Amino acid sequence: MSNLQTLTTFLGWCSVINVIALLVASLMLMLMRNFVAGIHGKMFGVSTEEISLAYVHYLANYKIAIVADKRRLVERRTCANKHRRNND
């Protein structure tokens, strides 16, 4: 049972780290969009409009991945609690 609790704790901290990374990426893109878009535009040879669209897709997909991960974590906790109650 300790392994499941350790895994749940680890995945919980992974979720916290992912939320922080999403917030930092969002803030950086909001505050420094022109600077970052200019660098990425020169690196990949695309327009700033295409870069802005790519940023939106990136943030949306990352947010969906975080929410899906949190949902799985809650499901695991619920399942573990039911299993623990049944064994007691």
C-alpha atoms as a PDB file:
ATOM      1  CA  MET A   1       0.000   0.000   0.000  1.00  0.00           C
ATOM      2  CA  SER A   2       2.922   2.308   0.656  1.00  0.00           C
ATOM      3  CA  ASN A   3       4.006   2.083  -2.989  1.00  0.00           C
ATOM      4  CA  LEU A   4       0.618   3.294  -4.183  1.00  0.00           C
ATOM      5  CA  GLN A   5       0.701   6.192  -1.744  1.00  0.00           C
ATOM      6  CA  THR A   6       4.238   7.075  -2.824  1.00  0.00           C
ATOM      7  CA  LEU A   7       3.205   6.960  -6.481  1.00  0.00           C
ATOM      8  CA  THR A   8       0.164   9.134  -5.783  1.00  0.00           C
ATOM      9  CA  THR A   9       2.296  11.684  -3.940  1.00  0.00           C
ATOM     10  CA  PHE A  10       4.862  11.703  -6.744  1.00  0.00           C
ATOM     11  CA  LEU A  11       2.202  12.224  -9.434  1.00  0.00           C
ATOM     12  CA  GLY A  12       0.624  14.956  -7.336  1.00  0.00           C
ATOM     13  CA  TRP A  13       3.908  16.857  -7.245  1.00  0.00           C
ATOM     14  CA  CYS A  14       4.323  16.276 -10.986  1.00  0.00           C
ATOM     15  CA  SER A  15       0.937  17.938 -11.488  1.00  0.00           C
ATOM     16  CA  VAL A  16       1.999  20.919  -9.368  1.00  0.00           C
ATOM     17  CA  ILE A  17       5.210  21.294 -11.390  1.00  0.00           C
ATOM     18  CA  ASN A  18       3.244  21.098 -14.662  1.00  0.00           C
ATOM     19  CA  VAL A  19       0.784  23.771 -13.538  1.00  0.00           C
ATOM     20  CA  ILE A  20       3.676  26.051 -12.565  1.00  0.00           C
ATOM     21  CA  ALA A  21       5.355  25.434 -15.942  1.00  0.00           C
ATOM     22  CA  LEU A  22       2.096  26.275 -17.736  1.00  0.00           C
ATOM     23  CA  LEU A  23       1.717  29.502 -15.746  1.00  0.00           C
ATOM     24  CA  VAL A  24       5.312  30.550 -16.420  1.00  0.00           C
ATOM     25  CA  ALA A  25       4.999  29.790 -20.151  1.00  0.00           C
ATOM     26  CA  SER A  26       1.708  31.703 -20.333  1.00  0.00           C
ATOM     27  CA  LEU A  27       3.128  34.725 -18.517  1.00  0.00           C
ATOM     28  CA  MET A  28       6.267  34.751 -20.645  1.00  0.00           C
ATOM     29  CA  LEU A  29       4.234  34.655 -23.844  1.00  0.00           C
ATOM     30  CA  MET A  30       1.855  37.360 -22.646  1.00  0.00           C
ATOM     31  CA  LEU A  31       4.591  39.700 -21.442  1.00  0.00           C
ATOM     32  CA  MET A  32       7.267  39.039 -24.081  1.00  0.00           C
ATOM     33  CA  ARG A  33       5.259  37.884 -27.113  1.00  0.00           C
ATOM     34  CA  ASN A  34       6.943  40.139 -29.689  1.00  0.00           C
ATOM     35  CA  PHE A  35      10.450  39.347 -28.497  1.00  0.00           C
ATOM     36  CA  VAL A  36       9.876  35.585 -28.355  1.00  0.00           C
ATOM     37  CA  ALA A  37       7.908  35.526 -31.623  1.00  0.00           C
ATOM     38  CA  GLY A  38      10.736  37.406 -33.340  1.00  0.00           C
ATOM     39  CA  ILE A  39      13.304  34.863 -32.179  1.00  0.00           C
ATOM     40  CA  HIS A  40      11.155  31.867 -33.131  1.00  0.00           C
ATOM     41  CA  GLY A  41      10.207  33.461 -36.448  1.00  0.00           C
ATOM     42  CA  LYS A  42      13.871  33.867 -37.378  1.00  0.00           C
ATOM     43  CA  MET A  43      14.752  30.376 -36.152  1.00  0.00           C
ATOM     44  CA  PHE A  44      12.031  28.589 -38.123  1.00  0.00           C
ATOM     45  CA  GLY A  45      11.365  31.038 -40.948  1.00  0.00           C
ATOM     46  CA  VAL A  46       7.662  31.546 -40.278  1.00  0.00           C
ATOM     47  CA  SER A  47       5.525  34.651 -39.819  1.00  0.00           C
ATOM     48  CA  THR A  48       4.599  36.068 -36.427  1.00  0.00           C
ATOM     49  CA  GLU A  49       0.927  35.217 -37.109  1.00  0.00           C
ATOM     50  CA  GLU A  50       1.830  31.542 -37.524  1.00  0.00           C
ATOM     51  CA  ILE A  51       3.991  31.684 -34.407  1.00  0.00           C
ATOM     52  CA  SER A  52       1.135  33.202 -32.396  1.00  0.00           C
ATOM     53  CA  LEU A  53      -1.184  30.423 -33.559  1.00  0.00           C
ATOM     54  CA  ALA A  54       1.425  27.815 -32.600  1.00  0.00           C
ATOM     55  CA  TYR A  55       1.684  29.363 -29.118  1.00  0.00           C
ATOM     56  CA  VAL A  56      -2.072  29.117 -28.629  1.00  0.00           C
ATOM     57  CA  HIS A  57      -2.072  25.480 -29.746  1.00  0.00           C
ATOM     58  CA  TYR A  58       0.866  24.685 -27.474  1.00  0.00           C
ATOM     59  CA  LEU A  59      -0.726  26.230 -24.390  1.00  0.00           C
ATOM     60  CA  ALA A  60      -4.124  24.643 -25.111  1.00  0.00           C
ATOM     61  CA  ASN A  61      -2.666  21.164 -25.606  1.00  0.00           C
ATOM     62  CA  TYR A  62      -0.475  21.476 -22.518  1.00  0.00           C
ATOM     63  CA  LYS A  63      -3.471  22.579 -20.436  1.00  0.00           C
ATOM     64  CA  ILE A  64      -5.535  19.626 -21.692  1.00  0.00           C
ATOM     65  CA  ALA A  65      -2.700  17.236 -20.812  1.00  0.00           C
ATOM     66  CA  ILE A  66      -2.477  18.653 -17.286  1.00  0.00           C
ATOM     67  CA  VAL A  67      -6.231  18.410 -16.713  1.00  0.00           C
ATOM     68  CA  ALA A  68      -6.292  14.823 -18.016  1.00  0.00           C
ATOM     69  CA  ASP A  69      -3.378  13.943 -15.707  1.00  0.00           C
ATOM     70  CA  LYS A  70      -5.148  15.459 -12.687  1.00  0.00           C
ATOM     71  CA  ARG A  71      -8.310  13.551 -13.540  1.00  0.00           C
ATOM     72  CA  ARG A  72      -6.370  10.257 -13.610  1.00  0.00           C
ATOM     73  CA  LEU A  73      -4.745  11.133 -10.306  1.00  0.00           C
ATOM     74  CA  VAL A  74      -8.130  11.740  -8.675  1.00  0.00           C
ATOM     75  CA  GLU A  75      -9.429   8.448 -10.100  1.00  0.00           C
ATOM     76  CA  ARG A  76      -6.415   6.593  -8.678  1.00  0.00           C
ATOM     77  CA  ARG A  77      -6.913   8.144  -5.255  1.00  0.00           C
ATOM     78  CA  THR A  78     -10.591   7.225  -5.265  1.00  0.00           C
ATOM     79  CA  CYS A  79      -9.804   3.666  -6.302  1.00  0.00           C
ATOM     80  CA  ALA A  80      -7.057   3.376  -3.678  1.00  0.00           C
ATOM     81  CA  ASN A  81      -9.371   4.692  -0.933  1.00  0.00           C
ATOM     82  CA  LYS A  82     -12.084   2.171  -1.886  1.00  0.00           C
ATOM     83  CA  HIS A  83      -9.516  -0.635  -1.910  1.00  0.00           C
ATOM     84  CA  ARG A  84      -8.170   0.465   1.474  1.00  0.00           C
ATOM     85  CA  ARG A  85     -11.684   0.542   3.002  1.00  0.00           C
ATOM     86  CA  ASN A  86     -12.455  -2.921   1.640  1.00  0.00           C
ATOM     87  CA  ASN A  87      -9.294  -4.375   3.165  1.00  0.00           C
ATOM     88  CA  ASP A  88      -9.840  -2.831   6.604  1.00  0.00           C
END
